């Protein structure tokens, strides 16, 4: 069942204070120019369900990035600049290893990750220990 214009206007004002004016305004505008009430209701329900993700004023106040620009720039930095150089081709597994290492490097945690990796590896045997292991043991008579 659709909303009356008064209910939609009331919700528009309430949502304006939550920082979601544009989406509801567009839905109301679409309804006004002749789109079906069902389409309006679907758009309204979609936006209402996702209001908690659309707190743009709050996020902007915390200096968090809004939009896809920062994500696209990160993809260019991590993927394109490394994997798409002239003449390069990668298997999925090989490309994933390179990307993992690149993200670790670009994140500035290389030294920490490297030390943890080294700590997880068995200690190498020194030559004397290797010689003892390689010598056959005398058999008991």
Protein backbone atom coordinates (compact mmCIF):
# COMPACT_ATOMS: atom_id res chain seq x y z
CA UNK A 1 0.00 0.00 0.00
CA UNK A 2 1.38 3.42 -0.97
CA UNK A 3 1.86 6.46 1.22
CA UNK A 4 -0.13 9.63 0.99
CA UNK A 5 1.63 12.79 -0.10
CA UNK A 6 1.43 14.08 3.50
CA UNK A 7 3.09 10.92 4.84
CA UNK A 8 5.80 11.07 2.19
CA UNK A 9 6.41 14.75 2.96
CA UNK A 10 6.60 13.98 6.68
CA UNK A 11 9.11 11.20 6.05
CA UNK A 12 11.04 13.47 3.70
CA UNK A 13 11.45 16.03 6.50
CA UNK A 14 12.36 13.35 9.07
CA UNK A 15 14.89 11.78 6.71
CA UNK A 16 16.31 15.18 5.83
CA UNK A 17 17.51 15.46 9.41
CA UNK A 18 19.17 12.06 9.07
CA UNK A 19 21.08 13.37 6.03
CA UNK A 20 19.22 11.38 3.35
CA UNK A 21 17.36 14.16 1.59
CA UNK A 22 18.54 13.42 -1.93
CA UNK A 23 17.35 9.82 -2.18
CA UNK A 24 13.86 10.46 -0.83
CA UNK A 25 13.59 13.67 -2.82
CA UNK A 26 14.36 11.76 -6.01
CA UNK A 27 11.83 9.05 -5.15
CA UNK A 28 9.14 11.67 -4.51
CA UNK A 29 10.07 13.47 -7.72
CA UNK A 30 9.80 10.23 -9.71
CA UNK A 31 6.33 9.71 -8.27
CA UNK A 32 5.30 13.24 -9.16
CA UNK A 33 6.25 12.88 -12.84
CA UNK A 34 4.02 9.87 -13.36
CA UNK A 35 5.97 6.80 -12.27
CA UNK A 36 3.85 4.14 -10.62
CA UNK A 37 3.08 4.21 -6.91
CA UNK A 38 4.55 0.69 -6.72
CA UNK A 39 7.88 1.96 -8.07
CA UNK A 40 7.84 4.80 -5.55
CA UNK A 41 7.05 2.39 -2.73
CA UNK A 42 9.88 0.08 -3.78
CA UNK A 43 12.36 2.96 -3.94
CA UNK A 44 11.14 4.30 -0.61
CA UNK A 45 11.41 0.88 1.08
CA UNK A 46 14.88 0.35 -0.38
CA UNK A 47 16.15 3.67 0.95
CA UNK A 48 14.42 3.36 4.31
CA UNK A 49 15.94 -0.09 4.88
CA UNK A 50 19.43 1.27 4.18
CA UNK A 51 19.23 4.57 6.09
CA UNK A 52 21.84 3.47 8.62
CA UNK A 53 24.39 3.26 5.77
CA UNK A 54 23.54 6.72 4.46
CA UNK A 55 24.72 8.88 7.34
CA UNK A 56 26.84 11.00 5.03
CA UNK A 57 26.94 14.10 7.20
CA UNK A 58 28.12 12.02 10.17
CA UNK A 59 30.79 10.24 8.08
CA UNK A 60 31.93 13.47 6.47
CA UNK A 61 32.25 15.04 9.92
CA UNK A 62 34.61 12.23 10.87
CA UNK A 63 36.61 12.90 7.67
CA UNK A 64 35.78 9.48 6.29
CA UNK A 65 35.83 9.16 2.50
CA UNK A 66 32.46 9.35 0.78
CA UNK A 67 32.13 7.94 -2.73
CA UNK A 68 34.12 5.58 -4.87
CA UNK A 69 37.09 7.82 -5.73
CA UNK A 70 39.33 6.59 -2.95
CA UNK A 71 38.50 2.95 -3.75
CA UNK A 72 39.22 3.46 -7.45
CA UNK A 73 42.53 5.16 -6.62
CA UNK A 74 43.49 2.27 -4.31
CA UNK A 75 42.70 -0.26 -7.05
CA UNK A 76 44.88 1.67 -9.47
CA UNK A 77 47.72 1.84 -6.97
CA UNK A 78 47.57 -1.79 -5.86
CA UNK A 79 46.49 -3.63 -9.00
CA UNK A 80 46.97 -1.69 -12.19
CA UNK A 81 50.40 -0.22 -11.50
CA UNK A 82 51.81 -3.61 -10.54
CA UNK A 83 49.96 -6.27 -12.51
CA UNK A 84 49.39 -4.55 -15.84
CA UNK A 85 52.90 -3.58 -16.80
CA UNK A 86 54.02 -4.19 -20.34
CA UNK A 87 54.59 -7.86 -21.16
CA UNK A 88 53.36 -9.21 -17.82
CA UNK A 89 50.98 -12.09 -17.44
CA UNK A 90 49.96 -13.81 -14.23
CA UNK A 91 48.28 -16.95 -13.05
CA UNK A 92 45.58 -16.30 -10.48
CA UNK A 93 47.70 -17.82 -7.70
CA UNK A 94 50.84 -15.91 -8.71
CA UNK A 95 48.96 -12.64 -9.05
CA UNK A 96 47.39 -13.13 -5.62
CA UNK A 97 50.81 -13.63 -4.00
CA UNK A 98 52.11 -10.44 -5.64
CA UNK A 99 49.03 -8.50 -4.53
CA UNK A 100 49.29 -9.80 -0.96
CA UNK A 101 52.93 -8.72 -0.78
CA UNK A 102 52.16 -5.36 -2.39
CA UNK A 103 49.37 -4.58 0.08
CA UNK A 104 51.65 -5.49 2.99
CA UNK A 105 54.36 -3.20 1.59
CA UNK A 106 52.04 -0.28 0.81
CA UNK A 107 50.39 -0.58 4.24
CA UNK A 108 53.72 0.03 5.94
CA UNK A 109 53.67 -3.20 7.94
CA UNK A 110 56.29 -5.12 5.96
CA UNK A 111 58.81 -5.41 8.80
CA UNK A 112 56.19 -6.62 11.30
CA UNK A 113 54.79 -9.22 8.88
CA UNK A 114 58.27 -10.36 7.87
CA UNK A 115 59.30 -10.86 11.51
CA UNK A 116 56.13 -12.86 12.23
CA UNK A 117 56.77 -14.99 9.15
CA UNK A 118 60.35 -15.68 10.22
CA UNK A 119 59.20 -16.57 13.75
CA UNK A 120 56.75 -19.11 12.32
CA UNK A 121 59.48 -20.99 10.40
CA UNK A 122 61.61 -23.79 11.90
CA UNK A 123 65.13 -22.77 12.77
CA UNK A 124 67.74 -23.90 10.25
CA UNK A 125 70.10 -26.64 11.30
CA UNK A 126 73.78 -25.78 11.55
CA UNK A 127 76.25 -27.87 9.58
CA UNK A 128 77.41 -29.97 12.58
CA UNK A 129 73.85 -31.02 13.39
CA UNK A 130 73.21 -31.87 9.74
CA UNK A 131 76.36 -34.01 9.65
CA UNK A 132 75.24 -35.94 12.74
CA UNK A 133 71.82 -36.61 11.24
CA UNK A 134 73.37 -37.75 7.95
CA UNK A 135 75.84 -40.20 9.58
CA UNK A 136 74.62 -43.79 9.84
CA UNK A 137 74.17 -44.97 13.41
CA UNK A 138 76.21 -47.99 14.51
CA UNK A 139 74.02 -51.03 14.85
CA UNK A 140 73.97 -52.90 18.11
CA UNK A 141 75.38 -56.41 18.04
